Amino acid sequence: MIVVTNRICVKKGMGKKMAPMFTKEGPLQSFDGFEKVEVLVSEQEDHDEMSVNMYWQSQEQFEVWRQSDAFKQAHHRPTNGGPTAENNPVISSKLVISQVASTATKI
């Protein structure tokens, strides 16, 4: 299993507002190998940090999603009426792919 984390810095107060965008029902949930997505928000002094964690059975299955038309549609940003540099809440983002090496659950 892998966890794909998109670490996103956003303007102060936007983390909790944006979180539901990443967990709303859509084509992602029907892709083979997809397990779940969760969004963590850490409120810092001058910005919010979001960790969007997607759990996949394999990296190959994640790559199928990433190359799909559904992925492109989900990440499409309209050029007309979309966010401008001034009103875009995203400051930066970084994608990290990790192998699940060890887990523990409640006994």
PDB file of N, CA and C in Angstrom:
ATOM      1  N   MET A   1       0.848  -1.178   0.000  1.00  0.00           N
ATOM      2  CA  MET A   1       0.000   0.000   0.000  1.00  0.00           C
ATOM      3  C   MET A   1       0.889   1.234   0.000  1.00  0.00           C
ATOM      4  N   ILE A   2       0.401   2.288  -0.662  1.00  0.00           N
ATOM      5  CA  ILE A   2       1.102   3.565  -0.661  1.00  0.00           C
ATOM      6  C   ILE A   2       0.163   4.665  -0.154  1.00  0.00           C
ATOM      7  N   VAL A   3       0.774   5.724   0.323  1.00  0.00           N
ATOM      8  CA  VAL A   3       0.042   6.937   0.678  1.00  0.00           C
ATOM      9  C   VAL A   3       0.620   8.058  -0.171  1.00  0.00           C
ATOM     10  N   VAL A   4      -0.246   8.696  -0.937  1.00  0.00           N
ATOM     11  CA  VAL A   4       0.142   9.839  -1.749  1.00  0.00           C
ATOM     12  C   VAL A   4      -0.328  11.080  -1.002  1.00  0.00           C
ATOM     13  N   THR A   5       0.633  11.907  -0.585  1.00  0.00           N
ATOM     14  CA  THR A   5       0.307  13.099   0.193  1.00  0.00           C
ATOM     15  C   THR A   5       0.592  14.335  -0.633  1.00  0.00           C
ATOM     16  N   ASN A   6      -0.428  15.157  -0.782  1.00  0.00           N
ATOM     17  CA  ASN A   6      -0.246  16.460  -1.405  1.00  0.00           C
ATOM     18  C   ASN A   6      -0.186  17.462  -0.255  1.00  0.00           C
ATOM     19  N   ARG A   7       1.005  18.002  -0.007  1.00  0.00           N
ATOM     20  CA  ARG A   7       1.204  18.974   1.064  1.00  0.00           C
ATOM     21  C   ARG A   7       0.994  20.358   0.473  1.00  0.00           C
ATOM     22  N   ILE A   8      -0.061  21.008   0.919  1.00  0.00           N
ATOM     23  CA  ILE A   8      -0.477  22.268   0.319  1.00  0.00           C
ATOM     24  C   ILE A   8      -0.467  23.369   1.366  1.00  0.00           C
ATOM     25  N   CYS A   9       0.260  24.451   1.112  1.00  0.00           N
ATOM     26  CA  CYS A   9       0.202  25.653   1.946  1.00  0.00           C
ATOM     27  C   CYS A   9      -0.827  26.578   1.331  1.00  0.00           C
ATOM     28  N   VAL A  10      -1.773  27.029   2.156  1.00  0.00           N
ATOM     29  CA  VAL A  10      -2.820  27.928   1.676  1.00  0.00           C
ATOM     30  C   VAL A  10      -2.911  29.141   2.589  1.00  0.00           C
ATOM     31  N   LYS A  11      -3.578  30.150   2.095  1.00  0.00           N
ATOM     32  CA  LYS A  11      -3.751  31.371   2.866  1.00  0.00           C
ATOM     33  C   LYS A  11      -4.482  31.063   4.169  1.00  0.00           C
ATOM     34  N   LYS A  12      -4.173  31.823   5.189  1.00  0.00           N
ATOM     35  CA  LYS A  12      -4.738  31.663   6.530  1.00  0.00           C
ATOM     36  C   LYS A  12      -6.262  31.580   6.454  1.00  0.00           C
ATOM     37  N   GLY A  13      -6.812  30.566   7.120  1.00  0.00           N
ATOM     38  CA  GLY A  13      -8.261  30.399   7.188  1.00  0.00           C
ATOM     39  C   GLY A  13      -8.865  29.609   6.038  1.00  0.00           C
ATOM     40  N   MET A  14      -8.073  29.232   5.047  1.00  0.00           N
ATOM     41  CA  MET A  14      -8.614  28.543   3.881  1.00  0.00           C
ATOM     42  C   MET A  14      -8.559  27.016   3.979  1.00  0.00           C
ATOM     43  N   GLY A  15      -7.747  26.472   4.869  1.00  0.00           N
ATOM     44  CA  GLY A  15      -7.589  25.025   4.956  1.00  0.00           C
ATOM     45  C   GLY A  15      -8.894  24.292   5.198  1.00  0.00           C
ATOM     46  N   LYS A  16      -9.612  24.672   6.239  1.00  0.00           N
ATOM     47  CA  LYS A  16     -10.874  23.993   6.561  1.00  0.00           C
ATOM     48  C   LYS A  16     -11.940  24.256   5.507  1.00  0.00           C
ATOM     49  N   LYS A  17     -11.882  25.412   4.855  1.00  0.00           N
ATOM     50  CA  LYS A  17     -12.851  25.719   3.801  1.00  0.00           C
ATOM     51  C   LYS A  17     -12.606  24.856   2.563  1.00  0.00           C
ATOM     52  N   MET A  18     -11.340  24.597   2.265  1.00  0.00           N
ATOM     53  CA  MET A  18     -11.005  23.839   1.062  1.00  0.00           C
ATOM     54  C   MET A  18     -11.077  22.330   1.259  1.00  0.00           C
ATOM     55  N   ALA A  19     -10.957  21.850   2.478  1.00  0.00           N
ATOM     56  CA  ALA A  19     -10.877  20.405   2.751  1.00  0.00           C
ATOM     57  C   ALA A  19     -11.998  19.593   2.099  1.00  0.00           C
ATOM     58  N   PRO A  20     -13.261  20.014   2.168  1.00  0.00           N
ATOM     59  CA  PRO A  20     -14.325  19.194   1.566  1.00  0.00           C
ATOM     60  C   PRO A  20     -14.201  19.006   0.051  1.00  0.00           C
ATOM     61  N   MET A  21     -13.486  19.886  -0.634  1.00  0.00           N
ATOM     62  CA  MET A  21     -13.280  19.724  -2.084  1.00  0.00           C
ATOM     63  C   MET A  21     -12.571  18.409  -2.386  1.00  0.00           C
ATOM     64  N   PHE A  22     -11.703  17.985  -1.492  1.00  0.00           N
ATOM     65  CA  PHE A  22     -10.879  16.804  -1.720  1.00  0.00           C
ATOM     66  C   PHE A  22     -11.571  15.505  -1.316  1.00  0.00           C
ATOM     67  N   THR A  23     -12.665  15.599  -0.567  1.00  0.00           N
ATOM     68  CA  THR A  23     -13.338  14.396  -0.085  1.00  0.00           C
ATOM     69  C   THR A  23     -14.757  14.238  -0.636  1.00  0.00           C
ATOM     70  N   LYS A  24     -15.169  15.151  -1.511  1.00  0.00           N
ATOM     71  CA  LYS A  24     -16.514  15.005  -2.074  1.00  0.00           C
ATOM     72  C   LYS A  24     -16.559  13.786  -2.990  1.00  0.00           C
ATOM     73  N   GLU A  25     -17.731  13.186  -3.096  1.00  0.00           N
ATOM     74  CA  GLU A  25     -17.911  11.992  -3.901  1.00  0.00           C
ATOM     75  C   GLU A  25     -17.666  12.313  -5.374  1.00  0.00           C
ATOM     76  N   GLY A  26     -16.979  11.395  -6.048  1.00  0.00           N
ATOM     77  CA  GLY A  26     -16.680  11.596  -7.457  1.00  0.00           C
ATOM     78  C   GLY A  26     -16.059  10.348  -8.051  1.00  0.00           C
ATOM     79  N   PRO A  27     -15.496  10.480  -9.251  1.00  0.00           N
ATOM     80  CA  PRO A  27     -14.949   9.304  -9.936  1.00  0.00           C
ATOM     81  C   PRO A  27     -13.758   8.660  -9.229  1.00  0.00           C
ATOM     82  N   LEU A  28     -13.051   9.408  -8.412  1.00  0.00           N
ATOM     83  CA  LEU A  28     -11.899   8.851  -7.690  1.00  0.00           C
ATOM     84  C   LEU A  28     -12.274   7.577  -6.948  1.00  0.00           C
ATOM     85  N   GLN A  29     -13.423   7.597  -6.271  1.00  0.00           N
ATOM     86  CA  GLN A  29     -13.825   6.471  -5.434  1.00  0.00           C
ATOM     87  C   GLN A  29     -14.069   5.184  -6.218  1.00  0.00           C
ATOM     88  N   SER A  30     -14.226   5.281  -7.527  1.00  0.00           N
ATOM     89  CA  SER A  30     -14.499   4.078  -8.323  1.00  0.00           C
ATOM     90  C   SER A  30     -13.248   3.482  -8.966  1.00  0.00           C
ATOM     91  N   PHE A  31     -12.082   4.097  -8.758  1.00  0.00           N
ATOM     92  CA  PHE A  31     -10.855   3.597  -9.375  1.00  0.00           C
ATOM     93  C   PHE A  31     -10.315   2.388  -8.619  1.00  0.00           C
ATOM     94  N   ASP A  32      -9.892   1.378  -9.392  1.00  0.00           N
ATOM     95  CA  ASP A  32      -9.285   0.182  -8.803  1.00  0.00           C
ATOM     96  C   ASP A  32      -8.068   0.578  -7.983  1.00  0.00           C
ATOM     97  N   GLY A  33      -7.984   0.033  -6.785  1.00  0.00           N
ATOM     98  CA  GLY A  33      -6.841   0.273  -5.922  1.00  0.00           C
ATOM     99  C   GLY A  33      -7.001   1.434  -4.969  1.00  0.00           C
ATOM    100  N   PHE A  34      -7.996   2.302  -5.203  1.00  0.00           N
ATOM    101  CA  PHE A  34      -8.225   3.428  -4.296  1.00  0.00           C
ATOM    102  C   PHE A  34      -8.829   2.913  -3.005  1.00  0.00           C
ATOM    103  N   GLU A  35      -8.285   3.365  -1.870  1.00  0.00           N
ATOM    104  CA  GLU A  35      -8.787   2.952  -0.562  1.00  0.00           C
ATOM    105  C   GLU A  35      -9.548   4.079   0.133  1.00  0.00           C
ATOM    106  N   LYS A  36      -8.898   5.224   0.305  1.00  0.00           N
ATOM    107  CA  LYS A  36      -9.550   6.346   0.978  1.00  0.00           C
ATOM    108  C   LYS A  36      -8.727   7.605   0.785  1.00  0.00           C
ATOM    109  N   VAL A  37      -9.358   8.731   1.101  1.00  0.00           N
ATOM    110  CA  VAL A  37      -8.665  10.018   1.123  1.00  0.00           C
ATOM    111  C   VAL A  37      -9.041  10.702   2.433  1.00  0.00           C
ATOM    112  N   GLU A  38      -8.068  11.362   3.029  1.00  0.00           N
ATOM    113  CA  GLU A  38      -8.316  12.134   4.247  1.00  0.00           C
ATOM    114  C   GLU A  38      -7.555  13.443   4.125  1.00  0.00           C
ATOM    115  N   VAL A  39      -8.096  14.464   4.762  1.00  0.00           N
ATOM    116  CA  VAL A  39      -7.464  15.779   4.709  1.00  0.00           C
ATOM    117  C   VAL A  39      -7.160  16.230   6.133  1.00  0.00           C
ATOM    118  N   LEU A  40      -5.895  16.548   6.375  1.00  0.00           N
ATOM    119  CA  LEU A  40      -5.465  17.081   7.663  1.00  0.00           C
ATOM    120  C   LEU A  40      -5.153  18.559   7.479  1.00  0.00           C
ATOM    121  N   VAL A  41      -5.555  19.376   8.435  1.00  0.00           N
ATOM    122  CA  VAL A  41      -5.288  20.816   8.368  1.00  0.00           C
ATOM    123  C   VAL A  41      -4.564  21.242   9.635  1.00  0.00           C
ATOM    124  N   SER A  42      -3.451  21.918   9.450  1.00  0.00           N
ATOM    125  CA  SER A  42      -2.680  22.478  10.549  1.00  0.00           C
ATOM    126  C   SER A  42      -2.684  23.994  10.393  1.00  0.00           C
ATOM    127  N   GLU A  43      -3.246  24.672  11.387  1.00  0.00           N
ATOM    128  CA  GLU A  43      -3.336  26.130  11.327  1.00  0.00           C
ATOM    129  C   GLU A  43      -2.068  26.745  11.910  1.00  0.00           C
ATOM    130  N   GLN A  44      -1.294  27.382  11.064  1.00  0.00           N
ATOM    131  CA  GLN A  44      -0.063  28.047  11.469  1.00  0.00           C
ATOM    132  C   GLN A  44      -0.359  29.530  11.727  1.00  0.00           C
ATOM    133  N   GLU A  45       0.636  30.258  12.163  1.00  0.00           N
ATOM    134  CA  GLU A  45       0.445  31.666  12.490  1.00  0.00           C
ATOM    135  C   GLU A  45       0.015  32.504  11.290  1.00  0.00           C
ATOM    136  N   ASP A  46       0.640  32.257  10.125  1.00  0.00           N
ATOM    137  CA  ASP A  46       0.362  33.112   8.968  1.00  0.00           C
ATOM    138  C   ASP A  46      -0.188  32.358   7.756  1.00  0.00           C
ATOM    139  N   HIS A  47      -0.435  31.043   7.865  1.00  0.00           N
ATOM    140  CA  HIS A  47      -0.993  30.257   6.775  1.00  0.00           C
ATOM    141  C   HIS A  47      -1.539  28.946   7.343  1.00  0.00           C
ATOM    142  N   ASP A  48      -2.229  28.202   6.507  1.00  0.00           N
ATOM    143  CA  ASP A  48      -2.695  26.861   6.868  1.00  0.00           C
ATOM    144  C   ASP A  48      -1.905  25.849   6.050  1.00  0.00           C
ATOM    145  N   GLU A  49      -1.614  24.710   6.650  1.00  0.00           N
ATOM    146  CA  GLU A  49      -0.968  23.619   5.937  1.00  0.00           C
ATOM    147  C   GLU A  49      -1.961  22.462   5.830  1.00  0.00           C
ATOM    148  N   MET A  50      -2.164  22.009   4.615  1.00  0.00           N
ATOM    149  CA  MET A  50      -3.063  20.888   4.365  1.00  0.00           C
ATOM    150  C   MET A  50      -2.232  19.681   3.935  1.00  0.00           C
ATOM    151  N   SER A  51      -2.583  18.513   4.452  1.00  0.00           N
ATOM    152  CA  SER A  51      -2.023  17.255   3.972  1.00  0.00           C
ATOM    153  C   SER A  51      -3.194  16.443   3.446  1.00  0.00           C
ATOM    154  N   VAL A  52      -3.253  16.307   2.128  1.00  0.00           N
ATOM    155  CA  VAL A  52      -4.300  15.513   1.492  1.00  0.00           C
ATOM    156  C   VAL A  52      -3.694  14.137   1.256  1.00  0.00           C
ATOM    157  N   ASN A  53      -4.131  13.159   2.048  1.00  0.00           N
ATOM    158  CA  ASN A  53      -3.571  11.807   2.016  1.00  0.00           C
ATOM    159  C   ASN A  53      -4.511  10.874   1.262  1.00  0.00           C
ATOM    160  N   MET A  54      -3.992  10.297   0.182  1.00  0.00           N
ATOM    161  CA  MET A  54      -4.750   9.330  -0.614  1.00  0.00           C
ATOM    162  C   MET A  54      -4.099   7.969  -0.444  1.00  0.00           C
ATOM    163  N   TYR A  55      -4.870   6.982  -0.057  1.00  0.00           N
ATOM    164  CA  TYR A  55      -4.370   5.629   0.173  1.00  0.00           C
ATOM    165  C   TYR A  55      -4.711   4.763  -1.043  1.00  0.00           C
ATOM    166  N   TRP A  56      -3.666   4.118  -1.592  1.00  0.00           N
ATOM    167  CA  TRP A  56      -3.797   3.270  -2.773  1.00  0.00           C
ATOM    168  C   TRP A  56      -3.168   1.910  -2.509  1.00  0.00           C
ATOM    169  N   GLN A  57      -3.711   0.886  -3.139  1.00  0.00           N
ATOM    170  CA  GLN A  57      -3.140  -0.450  -3.020  1.00  0.00           C
ATOM    171  C   GLN A  57      -1.766  -0.519  -3.670  1.00  0.00           C
ATOM    172  N   SER A  58      -1.550   0.228  -4.759  1.00  0.00           N
ATOM    173  CA  SER A  58      -0.250   0.211  -5.423  1.00  0.00           C
ATOM    174  C   SER A  58       0.005   1.533  -6.136  1.00  0.00           C
ATOM    175  N   GLN A  59       1.272   1.801  -6.405  1.00  0.00           N
ATOM    176  CA  GLN A  59       1.628   3.012  -7.137  1.00  0.00           C
ATOM    177  C   GLN A  59       1.129   2.927  -8.580  1.00  0.00           C
ATOM    178  N   GLU A  60       1.127   1.738  -9.154  1.00  0.00           N
ATOM    179  CA  GLU A  60       0.635   1.563 -10.520  1.00  0.00           C
ATOM    180  C   GLU A  60      -0.833   1.971 -10.627  1.00  0.00           C
ATOM    181  N   GLN A  61      -1.628   1.603  -9.629  1.00  0.00           N
ATOM    182  CA  GLN A  61      -3.045   1.984  -9.645  1.00  0.00           C
ATOM    183  C   GLN A  61      -3.213   3.491  -9.465  1.00  0.00           C
ATOM    184  N   PHE A  62      -2.378   4.097  -8.638  1.00  0.00           N
ATOM    185  CA  PHE A  62      -2.398   5.549  -8.508  1.00  0.00           C
ATOM    186  C   PHE A  62      -2.063   6.206  -9.842  1.00  0.00           C
ATOM    187  N   GLU A  63      -1.065   5.676 -10.543  1.00  0.00           N
ATOM    188  CA  GLU A  63      -0.651   6.256 -11.829  1.00  0.00           C
ATOM    189  C   GLU A  63      -1.768   6.154 -12.868  1.00  0.00           C
ATOM    190  N   VAL A  64      -2.560   5.082 -12.824  1.00  0.00           N
ATOM    191  CA  VAL A  64      -3.719   4.971 -13.723  1.00  0.00           C
ATOM    192  C   VAL A  64      -4.672   6.133 -13.462  1.00  0.00           C
ATOM    193  N   TRP A  65      -4.946   6.422 -12.181  1.00  0.00           N
ATOM    194  CA  TRP A  65      -5.786   7.564 -11.813  1.00  0.00           C
ATOM    195  C   TRP A  65      -5.169   8.870 -12.311  1.00  0.00           C
ATOM    196  N   ARG A  66      -3.888   9.026 -12.072  1.00  0.00           N
ATOM    197  CA  ARG A  66      -3.197  10.276 -12.412  1.00  0.00           C
ATOM    198  C   ARG A  66      -3.195  10.552 -13.918  1.00  0.00           C
ATOM    199  N   GLN A  67      -3.208   9.505 -14.729  1.00  0.00           N
ATOM    200  CA  GLN A  67      -3.209   9.664 -16.185  1.00  0.00           C
ATOM    201  C   GLN A  67      -4.623   9.697 -16.790  1.00  0.00           C
ATOM    202  N   SER A  68      -5.629   9.551 -15.944  1.00  0.00           N
ATOM    203  CA  SER A  68      -7.007   9.430 -16.435  1.00  0.00           C
ATOM    204  C   SER A  68      -7.626  10.780 -16.787  1.00  0.00           C
ATOM    205  N   ASP A  69      -8.639  10.719 -17.629  1.00  0.00           N
ATOM    206  CA  ASP A  69      -9.415  11.917 -17.954  1.00  0.00           C
ATOM    207  C   ASP A  69     -10.123  12.447 -16.706  1.00  0.00           C
ATOM    208  N   ALA A  70     -10.542  11.539 -15.817  1.00  0.00           N
ATOM    209  CA  ALA A  70     -11.220  11.961 -14.585  1.00  0.00           C
ATOM    210  C   ALA A  70     -10.291  12.811 -13.722  1.00  0.00           C
ATOM    211  N   PHE A  71      -9.011  12.431 -13.635  1.00  0.00           N
ATOM    212  CA  PHE A  71      -8.033  13.215 -12.883  1.00  0.00           C
ATOM    213  C   PHE A  71      -7.875  14.592 -13.521  1.00  0.00           C
ATOM    214  N   LYS A  72      -7.712  14.614 -14.834  1.00  0.00           N
ATOM    215  CA  LYS A  72      -7.543  15.890 -15.537  1.00  0.00           C
ATOM    216  C   LYS A  72      -8.743  16.797 -15.312  1.00  0.00           C
ATOM    217  N   GLN A  73      -9.942  16.231 -15.360  1.00  0.00           N
ATOM    218  CA  GLN A  73     -11.156  17.017 -15.137  1.00  0.00           C
ATOM    219  C   GLN A  73     -11.214  17.544 -13.697  1.00  0.00           C
ATOM    220  N   ALA A  74     -10.841  16.703 -12.733  1.00  0.00           N
ATOM    221  CA  ALA A  74     -10.883  17.105 -11.320  1.00  0.00           C
ATOM    222  C   ALA A  74      -9.882  18.217 -11.026  1.00  0.00           C
ATOM    223  N   HIS A  75      -8.792  18.287 -11.784  1.00  0.00           N
ATOM    224  CA  HIS A  75      -7.751  19.280 -11.535  1.00  0.00           C
ATOM    225  C   HIS A  75      -7.761  20.431 -12.531  1.00  0.00           C
ATOM    226  N   HIS A  76      -8.763  20.461 -13.399  1.00  0.00           N
ATOM    227  CA  HIS A  76      -8.872  21.524 -14.396  1.00  0.00           C
ATOM    228  C   HIS A  76      -9.238  22.842 -13.712  1.00  0.00           C
ATOM    229  N   ARG A  77      -8.522  23.858 -14.042  1.00  0.00           N
ATOM    230  CA  ARG A  77      -8.802  25.204 -13.520  1.00  0.00           C
ATOM    231  C   ARG A  77      -9.144  26.093 -14.702  1.00  0.00           C
ATOM    232  N   PRO A  78     -10.376  26.602 -14.731  1.00  0.00           N
ATOM    233  CA  PRO A  78     -10.764  27.442 -15.858  1.00  0.00           C
ATOM    234  C   PRO A  78      -9.905  28.697 -15.950  1.00  0.00           C
ATOM    235  N   THR A  79      -9.556  29.074 -17.171  1.00  0.00           N
ATOM    236  CA  THR A  79      -8.748  30.280 -17.357  1.00  0.00           C
ATOM    237  C   THR A  79      -9.613  31.528 -17.275  1.00  0.00           C
ATOM    238  N   ASN A  80     -10.876  31.408 -17.595  1.00  0.00           N
ATOM    239  CA  ASN A  80     -11.779  32.550 -17.532  1.00  0.00           C
ATOM    240  C   ASN A  80     -12.624  32.441 -16.266  1.00  0.00           C
ATOM    241  N   GLY A  81     -12.432  33.347 -15.341  1.00  0.00           N
ATOM    242  CA  GLY A  81     -13.186  33.330 -14.090  1.00  0.00           C
ATOM    243  C   GLY A  81     -12.554  32.484 -13.011  1.00  0.00           C
ATOM    244  N   GLY A  82     -11.400  31.886 -13.277  1.00  0.00           N
ATOM    245  CA  GLY A  82     -10.696  31.080 -12.292  1.00  0.00           C
ATOM    246  C   GLY A  82      -9.863  31.957 -11.377  1.00  0.00           C
ATOM    247  N   PRO A  83      -9.148  31.339 -10.448  1.00  0.00           N
ATOM    248  CA  PRO A  83      -8.346  32.129  -9.513  1.00  0.00           C
ATOM    249  C   PRO A  83      -7.222  32.879 -10.216  1.00  0.00           C
ATOM    250  N   THR A  84      -7.028  34.092  -9.795  1.00  0.00           N
ATOM    251  CA  THR A  84      -5.891  34.874 -10.265  1.00  0.00           C
ATOM    252  C   THR A  84      -4.817  34.797  -9.201  1.00  0.00           C
ATOM    253  N   ALA A  85      -3.659  35.317  -9.482  1.00  0.00           N
ATOM    254  CA  ALA A  85      -2.570  35.299  -8.499  1.00  0.00           C
ATOM    255  C   ALA A  85      -3.002  35.973  -7.204  1.00  0.00           C
ATOM    256  N   GLU A  86      -3.830  36.993  -7.312  1.00  0.00           N
ATOM    257  CA  GLU A  86      -4.247  37.741  -6.123  1.00  0.00           C
ATOM    258  C   GLU A  86      -5.244  36.965  -5.267  1.00  0.00           C
ATOM    259  N   ASN A  87      -6.166  36.220  -5.900  1.00  0.00           N
ATOM    260  CA  ASN A  87      -7.210  35.559  -5.107  1.00  0.00           C
ATOM    261  C   ASN A  87      -7.043  34.047  -4.999  1.00  0.00           C
ATOM    262  N   ASN A  88      -5.966  33.494  -5.546  1.00  0.00           N
ATOM    263  CA  ASN A  88      -5.710  32.066  -5.432  1.00  0.00           C
ATOM    264  C   ASN A  88      -5.284  31.756  -3.995  1.00  0.00           C
ATOM    265  N   PRO A  89      -6.004  30.853  -3.303  1.00  0.00           N
ATOM    266  CA  PRO A  89      -5.648  30.558  -1.906  1.00  0.00           C
ATOM    267  C   PRO A  89      -4.390  29.709  -1.756  1.00  0.00           C
ATOM    268  N   VAL A  90      -3.947  29.027  -2.816  1.00  0.00           N
ATOM    269  CA  VAL A  90      -2.795  28.126  -2.730  1.00  0.00           C
ATOM    270  C   VAL A  90      -1.497  28.925  -2.816  1.00  0.00           C
ATOM    271  N   ILE A  91      -0.646  28.717  -1.814  1.00  0.00           N
ATOM    272  CA  ILE A  91       0.680  29.349  -1.785  1.00  0.00           C
ATOM    273  C   ILE A  91       1.695  28.424  -2.442  1.00  0.00           C
ATOM    274  N   SER A  92       1.656  27.130  -2.087  1.00  0.00           N
ATOM    275  CA  SER A  92       2.572  26.150  -2.658  1.00  0.00           C
ATOM    276  C   SER A  92       2.012  24.754  -2.431  1.00  0.00           C
ATOM    277  N   SER A  93       2.572  23.786  -3.172  1.00  0.00           N
ATOM    278  CA  SER A  93       2.187  22.395  -2.939  1.00  0.00           C
ATOM    279  C   SER A  93       3.338  21.477  -3.319  1.00  0.00           C
ATOM    280  N   LYS A  94       3.344  20.301  -2.698  1.00  0.00           N
ATOM    281  CA  LYS A  94       4.386  19.312  -2.949  1.00  0.00           C
ATOM    282  C   LYS A  94       3.759  17.933  -2.832  1.00  0.00           C
ATOM    283  N   LEU A  95       4.004  17.078  -3.815  1.00  0.00           N
ATOM    284  CA  LEU A  95       3.483  15.720  -3.815  1.00  0.00           C
ATOM    285  C   LEU A  95       4.540  14.769  -3.269  1.00  0.00           C
ATOM    286  N   VAL A  96       4.148  13.934  -2.287  1.00  0.00           N
ATOM    287  CA  VAL A  96       5.049  12.959  -1.674  1.00  0.00           C
ATOM    288  C   VAL A  96       4.374  11.596  -1.736  1.00  0.00           C
ATOM    289  N   ILE A  97       5.093  10.604  -2.294  1.00  0.00           N
ATOM    290  CA  ILE A  97       4.574   9.250  -2.367  1.00  0.00           C
ATOM    291  C   ILE A  97       5.375   8.374  -1.415  1.00  0.00           C
ATOM    292  N   SER A  98       4.680   7.719  -0.492  1.00  0.00           N
ATOM    293  CA  SER A  98       5.325   6.914   0.541  1.00  0.00           C
ATOM    294  C   SER A  98       4.765   5.501   0.545  1.00  0.00           C
ATOM    295  N   GLN A  99       5.636   4.528   0.820  1.00  0.00           N
ATOM    296  CA  GLN A  99       5.221   3.153   1.050  1.00  0.00           C
ATOM    297  C   GLN A  99       4.812   3.025   2.507  1.00  0.00           C
ATOM    298  N   VAL A 100       3.719   2.327   2.773  1.00  0.00           N
ATOM    299  CA  VAL A 100       3.336   2.035   4.152  1.00  0.00           C
ATOM    300  C   VAL A 100       4.287   0.939   4.637  1.00  0.00           C
ATOM    301  N   ALA A 101       5.116   1.266   5.601  1.00  0.00           N
ATOM    302  CA  ALA A 101       6.133   0.334   6.088  1.00  0.00           C
ATOM    303  C   ALA A 101       5.717  -0.378   7.359  1.00  0.00           C
ATOM    304  N   SER A 102       4.851   0.262   8.159  1.00  0.00           N
ATOM    305  CA  SER A 102       4.437  -0.338   9.413  1.00  0.00           C
ATOM    306  C   SER A 102       3.175   0.354   9.907  1.00  0.00           C
ATOM    307  N   THR A 103       2.280  -0.384  10.518  1.00  0.00           N
ATOM    308  CA  THR A 103       1.051   0.189  11.063  1.00  0.00           C
ATOM    309  C   THR A 103       0.733  -0.449  12.414  1.00  0.00           C
ATOM    310  N   ALA A 104      -0.095   0.211  13.181  1.00  0.00           N
ATOM    311  CA  ALA A 104      -0.602  -0.326  14.435  1.00  0.00           C
ATOM    312  C   ALA A 104      -2.077   0.073  14.537  1.00  0.00           C
ATOM    313  N   THR A 105      -2.881  -0.787  15.117  1.00  0.00           N
ATOM    314  CA  THR A 105      -4.289  -0.487  15.319  1.00  0.00           C
ATOM    315  C   THR A 105      -4.656  -0.733  16.777  1.00  0.00           C
ATOM    316  N   LYS A 106      -5.790  -0.234  17.150  1.00  0.00           N
ATOM    317  CA  LYS A 106      -6.280  -0.398  18.523  1.00  0.00           C
ATOM    318  C   LYS A 106      -6.503  -1.874  18.817  1.00  0.00           C
ATOM    319  N   ILE A 107      -6.112  -2.278  20.012  1.00  0.00           N
ATOM    320  CA  ILE A 107      -6.281  -3.677  20.431  1.00  0.00           C
ATOM    321  C   ILE A 107      -7.651  -3.849  21.032  1.00  0.00           C
TER     322      ILE A 107
END
